[in-house]
Amino acid sequence: MIFALAGNQNCGKTTLFNILAGLFIPSEGELRVDGKAVDTPLARRMWQNNVAYVSQDLFIPDQTIAENIALGVERDKIDNERLMKAVEAARLTDLVASLPEGVNTVTGEAGCRLSGGQRQRIGIARALYKEASVLMFDEATSSLDEKTEREVVDAVAGLSETNRDLTILFISHNARTLDFCDRIVEL
């Protein structure tokens, strides 16, 4: 199921996302997941283990594509089968196949050897590699051209079609990018 938060810039979409991700503690009310309050550091950590967050400004260190997707996992501990599933689901297969070193190609500082769309798909693959049950996309297409934006949106929509147990939250100030969502909440 894909849920969207839509609204003008500065209406609180990212703040709400940060609360939902357990990054901010609400000043009023409480965050509840499956009826249970996420109100202690342990409960927040347990919730965050189920969440993968893709922002508009991805952190892409000067490492290989594989290391960027499995961010934080030691190179020799990267699960190649899981990695390739994430590459395929994020629609990076053609890119990886076109590179002489495949997933072992170094991205360059801040992903300078990749296009904006490729960097966003690395973020999607990273979220999928984590195998989280909730994927959160915060304005993940806002800096992309129209064609690349459509490719990223199609990749996200494809995730929902192939994994019905996955919950996807997508925020955008651009309502035309949300036509693939099952439910849209306007802020």
C-alpha atoms as a PDB file:
ATOM      1  CA  MET A   1       0.000   0.000   0.000  1.00  0.00           C
ATOM      2  CA  ILE A   2       1.328   3.418  -0.929  1.00  0.00           C
ATOM      3  CA  PHE A   3       0.301   6.423   1.132  1.00  0.00           C
ATOM      4  CA  ALA A   4       1.155   9.991   0.206  1.00  0.00           C
ATOM      5  CA  LEU A   5       1.396  13.244   2.076  1.00  0.00           C
ATOM      6  CA  ALA A   6       0.884  16.184  -0.229  1.00  0.00           C
ATOM      7  CA  GLY A   7       0.956  19.895   0.349  1.00  0.00           C
ATOM      8  CA  ASN A   8       2.776  23.113  -0.297  1.00  0.00           C
ATOM      9  CA  GLN A   9       6.349  23.599   0.807  1.00  0.00           C
ATOM     10  CA  ASN A  10       6.746  24.358   4.524  1.00  0.00           C
ATOM     11  CA  CYS A  11       3.372  22.893   5.520  1.00  0.00           C
ATOM     12  CA  GLY A  12       4.931  20.276   7.821  1.00  0.00           C
ATOM     13  CA  LYS A  13       5.249  17.181   5.605  1.00  0.00           C
ATOM     14  CA  THR A  14       8.882  16.513   6.511  1.00  0.00           C
ATOM     15  CA  THR A  15       8.273  17.240  10.193  1.00  0.00           C
ATOM     16  CA  LEU A  16       5.431  14.716  10.209  1.00  0.00           C
ATOM     17  CA  PHE A  17       7.658  12.229   8.385  1.00  0.00           C
ATOM     18  CA  ASN A  18      10.402  12.722  10.965  1.00  0.00           C
ATOM     19  CA  ILE A  19       7.878  12.014  13.728  1.00  0.00           C
ATOM     20  CA  LEU A  20       6.622   8.914  11.889  1.00  0.00           C
ATOM     21  CA  ALA A  21      10.219   7.726  11.428  1.00  0.00           C
ATOM     22  CA  GLY A  22      10.876   8.160  15.131  1.00  0.00           C
ATOM     23  CA  LEU A  23      13.476  10.863  14.516  1.00  0.00           C
ATOM     24  CA  PHE A  24      11.450  13.594  16.265  1.00  0.00           C
ATOM     25  CA  ILE A  25       9.466  13.157  19.451  1.00  0.00           C
ATOM     26  CA  PRO A  26       6.052  14.824  19.145  1.00  0.00           C
ATOM     27  CA  SER A  27       5.482  17.762  21.500  1.00  0.00           C
ATOM     28  CA  GLU A  28       1.821  16.701  21.818  1.00  0.00           C
ATOM     29  CA  GLY A  29       0.145  13.355  21.360  1.00  0.00           C
ATOM     30  CA  GLU A  30       2.064  10.172  20.663  1.00  0.00           C
ATOM     31  CA  LEU A  31       3.277   7.957  17.862  1.00  0.00           C
ATOM     32  CA  ARG A  32       1.599   4.544  17.952  1.00  0.00           C
ATOM     33  CA  VAL A  33       2.436   1.614  15.690  1.00  0.00           C
ATOM     34  CA  ASP A  34       0.080  -1.345  15.606  1.00  0.00           C
ATOM     35  CA  GLY A  35      -1.590   0.072  18.709  1.00  0.00           C
ATOM     36  CA  LYS A  36       1.642   0.286  20.714  1.00  0.00           C
ATOM     37  CA  ALA A  37       3.176   3.577  21.812  1.00  0.00           C
ATOM     38  CA  VAL A  38       6.623   4.371  20.444  1.00  0.00           C
ATOM     39  CA  ASP A  39       7.525   6.398  23.506  1.00  0.00           C
ATOM     40  CA  THR A  40      10.814   5.034  24.854  1.00  0.00           C
ATOM     41  CA  PRO A  41      14.287   4.917  23.306  1.00  0.00           C
ATOM     42  CA  LEU A  42      14.030   1.119  22.996  1.00  0.00           C
ATOM     43  CA  ALA A  43      10.581   1.288  21.371  1.00  0.00           C
ATOM     44  CA  ARG A  44      11.844   3.979  18.956  1.00  0.00           C
ATOM     45  CA  ARG A  45      14.882   1.861  18.010  1.00  0.00           C
ATOM     46  CA  MET A  46      12.693  -1.209  17.465  1.00  0.00           C
ATOM     47  CA  TRP A  47      10.379   0.852  15.236  1.00  0.00           C
ATOM     48  CA  GLN A  48      13.291   2.421  13.344  1.00  0.00           C
ATOM     49  CA  ASN A  49      14.657  -1.048  12.583  1.00  0.00           C
ATOM     50  CA  ASN A  50      11.503  -1.526  10.481  1.00  0.00           C
ATOM     51  CA  VAL A  51      11.794   1.785   8.618  1.00  0.00           C
ATOM     52  CA  ALA A  52      13.969   2.794   5.663  1.00  0.00           C
ATOM     53  CA  TYR A  53      14.117   6.496   4.787  1.00  0.00           C
ATOM     54  CA  VAL A  54      14.980   7.887   1.356  1.00  0.00           C
ATOM     55  CA  SER A  55      15.483  11.650   1.389  1.00  0.00           C
ATOM     56  CA  GLN A  56      15.952  14.131  -1.417  1.00  0.00           C
ATOM     57  CA  ASP A  57      19.548  14.650  -0.292  1.00  0.00           C
ATOM     58  CA  LEU A  58      21.128  11.216  -0.146  1.00  0.00           C
ATOM     59  CA  PHE A  59      24.432  10.573   1.527  1.00  0.00           C
ATOM     60  CA  ILE A  60      26.579   8.858  -1.130  1.00  0.00           C
ATOM     61  CA  PRO A  61      30.142   8.234   0.080  1.00  0.00           C
ATOM     62  CA  ASP A  62      33.031   7.645  -2.324  1.00  0.00           C
ATOM     63  CA  GLN A  63      32.602   3.873  -2.269  1.00  0.00           C
ATOM     64  CA  THR A  64      31.387   1.167  -4.594  1.00  0.00           C
ATOM     65  CA  ILE A  65      27.759   0.892  -5.638  1.00  0.00           C
ATOM     66  CA  ALA A  66      27.529  -2.294  -3.537  1.00  0.00           C
ATOM     67  CA  GLU A  67      28.908  -0.540  -0.449  1.00  0.00           C
ATOM     68  CA  ASN A  68      26.535   2.387  -0.984  1.00  0.00           C
ATOM     69  CA  ILE A  69      23.530   0.094  -1.237  1.00  0.00           C
ATOM     70  CA  ALA A  70      24.559  -1.990   1.800  1.00  0.00           C
ATOM     71  CA  LEU A  71      25.618   1.168   3.650  1.00  0.00           C
ATOM     72  CA  GLY A  72      27.262   0.352   6.968  1.00  0.00           C
ATOM     73  CA  VAL A  73      27.848  -3.326   6.129  1.00  0.00           C
ATOM     74  CA  GLU A  74      31.460  -4.417   5.843  1.00  0.00           C
ATOM     75  CA  ARG A  75      32.426  -5.166   2.225  1.00  0.00           C
ATOM     76  CA  ASP A  76      33.063  -8.875   2.863  1.00  0.00           C
ATOM     77  CA  LYS A  77      29.739  -9.244   4.701  1.00  0.00           C
ATOM     78  CA  ILE A  78      27.513  -7.870   1.904  1.00  0.00           C
ATOM     79  CA  ASP A  79      24.887 -10.438   0.922  1.00  0.00           C
ATOM     80  CA  ASN A  80      25.246 -10.557  -2.895  1.00  0.00           C
ATOM     81  CA  GLU A  81      21.865 -12.203  -3.498  1.00  0.00           C
ATOM     82  CA  ARG A  82      20.104  -9.577  -1.399  1.00  0.00           C
ATOM     83  CA  LEU A  83      22.181  -6.864  -3.101  1.00  0.00           C
ATOM     84  CA  MET A  84      21.182  -7.995  -6.600  1.00  0.00           C
ATOM     85  CA  LYS A  85      17.504  -8.225  -5.617  1.00  0.00           C
ATOM     86  CA  ALA A  86      17.701  -4.619  -4.412  1.00  0.00           C
ATOM     87  CA  VAL A  87      19.493  -3.570  -7.629  1.00  0.00           C
ATOM     88  CA  GLU A  88      16.785  -5.192  -9.739  1.00  0.00           C
ATOM     89  CA  ALA A  89      13.865  -3.785  -7.736  1.00  0.00           C
ATOM     90  CA  ALA A  90      15.354  -0.261  -7.854  1.00  0.00           C
ATOM     91  CA  ARG A  91      15.787  -0.578 -11.617  1.00  0.00           C
ATOM     92  CA  LEU A  92      19.555  -0.306 -11.535  1.00  0.00           C
ATOM     93  CA  THR A  93      20.194  -3.520 -13.489  1.00  0.00           C
ATOM     94  CA  ASP A  94      20.953  -1.785 -16.801  1.00  0.00           C
ATOM     95  CA  LEU A  95      23.299   0.710 -15.133  1.00  0.00           C
ATOM     96  CA  VAL A  96      25.193  -2.027 -13.282  1.00  0.00           C
ATOM     97  CA  ALA A  97      25.424  -4.161 -16.445  1.00  0.00           C
ATOM     98  CA  SER A  98      26.842  -1.204 -18.395  1.00  0.00           C
ATOM     99  CA  LEU A  99      29.699  -0.624 -15.952  1.00  0.00           C
ATOM    100  CA  PRO A 100      32.975  -2.540 -16.413  1.00  0.00           C
ATOM    101  CA  GLU A 101      33.165  -3.257 -12.677  1.00  0.00           C
ATOM    102  CA  GLY A 102      29.404  -3.630 -12.137  1.00  0.00           C
ATOM    103  CA  VAL A 103      28.395  -3.154  -8.497  1.00  0.00           C
ATOM    104  CA  ASN A 104      32.090  -2.775  -7.641  1.00  0.00           C
ATOM    105  CA  THR A 105      32.252   0.541  -9.509  1.00  0.00           C
ATOM    106  CA  VAL A 106      33.162   3.478  -7.276  1.00  0.00           C
ATOM    107  CA  THR A 107      30.504   6.216  -7.272  1.00  0.00           C
ATOM    108  CA  GLY A 108      32.766   9.186  -6.635  1.00  0.00           C
ATOM    109  CA  GLU A 109      32.389  11.719  -3.836  1.00  0.00           C
ATOM    110  CA  ALA A 110      28.667  12.455  -3.264  1.00  0.00           C
ATOM    111  CA  GLY A 111      27.896  10.121  -6.177  1.00  0.00           C
ATOM    112  CA  CYS A 112      29.437  12.550  -8.697  1.00  0.00           C
ATOM    113  CA  ARG A 113      29.826   9.743 -11.266  1.00  0.00           C
ATOM    114  CA  LEU A 114      26.077   9.075 -11.192  1.00  0.00           C
ATOM    115  CA  SER A 115      23.099  11.012 -12.500  1.00  0.00           C
ATOM    116  CA  GLY A 116      20.457  12.354 -10.109  1.00  0.00           C
ATOM    117  CA  GLY A 117      18.100   9.523 -10.988  1.00  0.00           C
ATOM    118  CA  GLN A 118      20.790   6.913 -10.480  1.00  0.00           C
ATOM    119  CA  ARG A 119      21.616   8.374  -7.064  1.00  0.00           C
ATOM    120  CA  GLN A 120      17.925   8.251  -6.083  1.00  0.00           C
ATOM    121  CA  ARG A 121      17.688   4.640  -7.248  1.00  0.00           C
ATOM    122  CA  ILE A 122      20.785   3.866  -5.115  1.00  0.00           C
ATOM    123  CA  GLY A 123      18.771   5.275  -2.197  1.00  0.00           C
ATOM    124  CA  ILE A 124      15.821   3.057  -3.091  1.00  0.00           C
ATOM    125  CA  ALA A 125      18.101   0.019  -3.388  1.00  0.00           C
ATOM    126  CA  ARG A 126      19.650   0.909  -0.012  1.00  0.00           C
ATOM    127  CA  ALA A 127      16.201   0.998   1.568  1.00  0.00           C
ATOM    128  CA  LEU A 128      15.331  -2.344  -0.012  1.00  0.00           C
ATOM    129  CA  TYR A 129      18.612  -3.946   1.045  1.00  0.00           C
ATOM    130  CA  LYS A 130      17.691  -3.116   4.629  1.00  0.00           C
ATOM    131  CA  GLU A 131      14.539  -5.244   4.157  1.00  0.00           C
ATOM    132  CA  ALA A 132      12.440  -2.792   6.139  1.00  0.00           C
ATOM    133  CA  SER A 133       8.682  -3.207   6.207  1.00  0.00           C
ATOM    134  CA  VAL A 134       8.097   0.545   5.813  1.00  0.00           C
ATOM    135  CA  LEU A 135       9.760   2.680   3.138  1.00  0.00           C
ATOM    136  CA  MET A 136       9.587   6.454   3.510  1.00  0.00           C
ATOM    137  CA  PHE A 137      10.352   8.773   0.590  1.00  0.00           C
ATOM    138  CA  ASP A 138      10.758  12.437   1.540  1.00  0.00           C
ATOM    139  CA  GLU A 139      10.590  14.583  -1.608  1.00  0.00           C
ATOM    140  CA  ALA A 140      12.800  11.943  -3.213  1.00  0.00           C
ATOM    141  CA  THR A 141      12.024  13.161  -6.740  1.00  0.00           C
ATOM    142  CA  SER A 142      11.979  16.932  -6.205  1.00  0.00           C
ATOM    143  CA  SER A 143      15.390  17.627  -7.754  1.00  0.00           C
ATOM    144  CA  LEU A 144      14.964  15.348 -10.762  1.00  0.00           C
ATOM    145  CA  ASP A 145      13.990  16.152 -14.335  1.00  0.00           C
ATOM    146  CA  GLU A 146      10.554  14.977 -15.463  1.00  0.00           C
ATOM    147  CA  LYS A 147      11.740  11.799 -17.242  1.00  0.00           C
ATOM    148  CA  THR A 148      13.961  10.684 -14.359  1.00  0.00           C
ATOM    149  CA  GLU A 149      11.241  11.558 -11.857  1.00  0.00           C
ATOM    150  CA  ARG A 150       8.831   9.271 -13.741  1.00  0.00           C
ATOM    151  CA  GLU A 151      11.427   6.463 -13.748  1.00  0.00           C
ATOM    152  CA  VAL A 152      11.897   6.736  -9.972  1.00  0.00           C
ATOM    153  CA  VAL A 153       8.125   6.911  -9.372  1.00  0.00           C
ATOM    154  CA  ASP A 154       7.630   3.849 -11.586  1.00  0.00           C
ATOM    155  CA  ALA A 155      10.303   2.003  -9.592  1.00  0.00           C
ATOM    156  CA  VAL A 156       8.528   2.856  -6.319  1.00  0.00           C
ATOM    157  CA  ALA A 157       5.142   1.833  -7.725  1.00  0.00           C
ATOM    158  CA  GLY A 158       6.675  -1.447  -8.906  1.00  0.00           C
ATOM    159  CA  LEU A 159       7.869  -2.153  -5.366  1.00  0.00           C
ATOM    160  CA  SER A 160       4.311  -2.027  -4.093  1.00  0.00           C
ATOM    161  CA  GLU A 161       3.065  -4.322  -6.841  1.00  0.00           C
ATOM    162  CA  THR A 162       5.701  -6.981  -6.172  1.00  0.00           C
ATOM    163  CA  ASN A 163       5.613  -6.825  -2.364  1.00  0.00           C
ATOM    164  CA  ARG A 164       2.127  -6.381  -0.941  1.00  0.00           C
ATOM    165  CA  ASP A 165       3.443  -6.558   2.664  1.00  0.00           C
ATOM    166  CA  LEU A 166       5.463  -3.408   2.126  1.00  0.00           C
ATOM    167  CA  THR A 167       4.093  -0.074   3.332  1.00  0.00           C
ATOM    168  CA  ILE A 168       5.316   2.939   1.389  1.00  0.00           C
ATOM    169  CA  LEU A 169       4.959   6.547   2.526  1.00  0.00           C
ATOM    170  CA  PHE A 170       5.711   9.158  -0.108  1.00  0.00           C
ATOM    171  CA  ILE A 171       5.716  12.913   0.306  1.00  0.00           C
ATOM    172  CA  SER A 172       5.774  15.528  -2.379  1.00  0.00           C
ATOM    173  CA  HIS A 173       4.714  19.107  -2.902  1.00  0.00           C
ATOM    174  CA  ASN A 174       4.126  18.148  -6.545  1.00  0.00           C
ATOM    175  CA  ALA A 175       0.675  16.507  -6.695  1.00  0.00           C
ATOM    176  CA  ARG A 176       1.184  15.213 -10.252  1.00  0.00           C
ATOM    177  CA  THR A 177       3.836  12.769  -9.017  1.00  0.00           C
ATOM    178  CA  LEU A 178       1.380  11.123  -6.623  1.00  0.00           C
ATOM    179  CA  ASP A 179      -0.997   9.550  -9.140  1.00  0.00           C
ATOM    180  CA  PHE A 180       0.409   6.087  -8.350  1.00  0.00           C
ATOM    181  CA  CYS A 181      -0.481   6.278  -4.637  1.00  0.00           C
ATOM    182  CA  ASP A 182      -3.379   4.347  -3.096  1.00  0.00           C
ATOM    183  CA  ARG A 183      -4.218   7.092  -0.597  1.00  0.00           C
ATOM    184  CA  ILE A 184      -3.292  10.773  -0.537  1.00  0.00           C
ATOM    185  CA  VAL A 185      -3.509  12.995   2.530  1.00  0.00           C
ATOM    186  CA  GLU A 186      -3.370  16.719   1.824  1.00  0.00           C
ATOM    187  CA  LEU A 187      -1.700  18.893   4.508  1.00  0.00           C
END
